[in-house]
Amino acid sequence: MAARGARNVVAGAPADEASTELKNLVGSTQTVGLIGLVSDISAHVDRCQVPEGVTVLAMFDSPEAMGAGLYQALRDADHADIDVVVAWLTGHDGIGAAIDDRLRRASAGSPPLVPHTL
């Protein structure tokens, strides 16, 4: 389920779709929210230098923590009027696989994004 205010949810593994989409969205007119595991996000985005227009909605320490806080993060996106939620997939088994499945299904219903590069 995408946040009510979010028009798109983009879900991908850190090294491919989500990371690329985040870079493409920076500088666009859309507000962007970011959700994922601390280890994945910190490998691709310096929290101290989060690009303008990108809001870190939630950074979780583990797939279990992400499972417990995912829906709150999506509600936060709704309240913050986020246009696009970029969510890193966990790549883990168990609860991580369930989270990844949920994010993939949420992103499947999103309309395609207009490409934007810096």
Protein backbone atom coordinates (compact mmCIF):
# COMPACT_ATOMS: atom_id res chain seq x y z
CA MET A 1 0.00 0.00 0.00
CA ALA A 2 1.48 3.32 -1.03
CA ALA A 3 1.02 6.30 1.19
CA ARG A 4 -2.12 8.21 0.25
CA GLY A 5 -0.16 11.35 -0.62
CA ALA A 6 2.61 9.54 -2.49
CA ARG A 7 1.99 9.28 -6.21
CA ASN A 8 4.77 6.74 -6.79
CA VAL A 9 6.66 4.12 -4.88
CA VAL A 10 9.98 3.03 -6.42
CA ALA A 11 11.48 -0.11 -4.91
CA GLY A 12 14.81 -1.61 -5.88
CA ALA A 13 18.05 -3.09 -4.72
CA PRO A 14 20.60 -0.51 -3.52
CA ALA A 15 22.96 -0.85 -6.45
CA ASP A 16 20.38 -0.61 -9.21
CA GLU A 17 16.83 0.74 -9.60
CA ALA A 18 16.35 2.60 -6.31
CA SER A 19 19.78 4.21 -6.30
CA THR A 20 19.48 5.24 -9.95
CA GLU A 21 15.94 6.54 -9.49
CA LEU A 22 16.99 8.59 -6.47
CA LYS A 23 19.77 10.21 -8.51
CA ASN A 24 17.36 10.87 -11.38
CA LEU A 25 14.82 12.52 -9.09
CA VAL A 26 17.26 14.90 -7.42
CA GLY A 27 16.66 18.36 -8.81
CA SER A 28 13.23 17.51 -10.20
CA THR A 29 10.11 19.33 -9.07
CA GLN A 30 8.99 16.26 -7.12
CA THR A 31 9.52 15.83 -3.41
CA VAL A 32 11.25 12.55 -2.64
CA GLY A 33 11.16 10.38 0.46
CA LEU A 34 13.69 7.67 1.23
CA ILE A 35 13.12 4.42 3.15
CA GLY A 36 15.58 1.58 3.73
CA LEU A 37 18.14 -0.15 5.89
CA VAL A 38 20.88 2.03 7.39
CA SER A 39 23.59 -0.15 5.87
CA ASP A 40 22.15 0.21 2.35
CA ILE A 41 21.31 3.90 2.47
CA SER A 42 24.61 4.92 4.06
CA ALA A 43 26.49 3.07 1.31
CA HIS A 44 24.80 5.27 -1.32
CA VAL A 45 23.72 8.49 0.38
CA ASP A 46 25.65 10.48 2.97
CA ARG A 47 22.94 11.40 5.50
CA CYS A 48 24.78 14.64 6.21
CA GLN A 49 24.57 15.48 2.52
CA VAL A 50 21.10 14.27 1.60
CA PRO A 51 20.24 16.08 -1.63
CA GLU A 52 17.80 18.97 -1.48
CA GLY A 53 14.25 17.79 -2.03
CA VAL A 54 14.95 14.37 -0.49
CA THR A 55 13.51 13.57 2.93
CA VAL A 56 14.85 10.55 4.81
CA LEU A 57 11.59 9.09 6.07
CA ALA A 58 13.13 6.10 7.84
CA MET A 59 16.45 4.31 8.14
CA PHE A 60 16.14 0.95 9.86
CA ASP A 61 18.87 -1.07 11.60
CA SER A 62 17.43 -4.46 10.59
CA PRO A 63 14.74 -6.06 8.43
CA GLU A 64 12.78 -6.73 11.63
CA ALA A 65 12.83 -3.03 12.52
CA MET A 66 11.85 -2.17 8.96
CA GLY A 67 8.92 -4.58 9.19
CA ALA A 68 7.75 -2.89 12.37
CA GLY A 69 8.14 0.67 11.03
CA LEU A 70 7.36 0.46 7.30
CA TYR A 71 3.73 1.51 7.45
CA GLN A 72 4.54 4.40 9.80
CA ALA A 73 7.18 5.58 7.31
CA LEU A 74 4.58 5.47 4.52
CA ARG A 75 2.15 7.43 6.70
CA ASP A 76 4.93 9.95 7.34
CA ALA A 77 5.30 10.28 3.56
CA ASP A 78 1.61 11.05 3.36
CA HIS A 79 1.80 13.74 6.03
CA ALA A 80 4.94 15.27 4.51
CA ASP A 81 3.29 15.53 1.08
CA ILE A 82 5.96 13.36 -0.55
CA ASP A 83 5.47 12.81 -4.30
CA VAL A 84 7.77 9.79 -4.70
CA VAL A 85 8.89 7.25 -2.11
CA VAL A 86 12.17 5.55 -3.00
CA ALA A 87 12.48 2.35 -0.98
CA TRP A 88 15.55 0.14 -0.90
CA LEU A 89 14.72 -3.57 -0.90
CA THR A 90 16.27 -5.49 1.98
CA GLY A 91 17.63 -8.44 0.00
CA HIS A 92 17.15 -10.62 3.10
CA ASP A 93 15.23 -13.85 3.67
CA GLY A 94 12.35 -14.22 6.11
CA ILE A 95 10.83 -10.91 7.16
CA GLY A 96 13.08 -9.14 4.66
CA ALA A 97 11.57 -11.16 1.80
CA ALA A 98 8.07 -10.25 2.99
CA ILE A 99 9.00 -6.55 3.12
CA ASP A 100 10.56 -6.72 -0.35
CA ASP A 101 7.44 -8.39 -1.72
CA ARG A 102 5.22 -5.71 -0.20
CA LEU A 103 7.36 -2.90 -1.61
CA ARG A 104 7.42 -4.51 -5.06
CA ARG A 105 3.63 -4.77 -5.05
CA ALA A 106 3.30 -1.15 -3.93
CA SER A 107 5.63 0.01 -6.68
CA ALA A 108 3.90 -2.09 -9.34
CA GLY A 109 0.82 0.13 -9.11
CA SER A 110 2.77 3.35 -9.57
CA PRO A 111 2.70 5.14 -12.90
CA PRO A 112 6.03 5.37 -14.72
CA LEU A 113 8.21 8.28 -13.72
CA VAL A 114 9.37 10.86 -16.19
CA PRO A 115 13.17 10.50 -16.38
CA HIS A 116 15.14 13.42 -15.03
CA THR A 117 18.90 13.69 -14.91
CA LEU A 118 21.18 16.33 -13.45
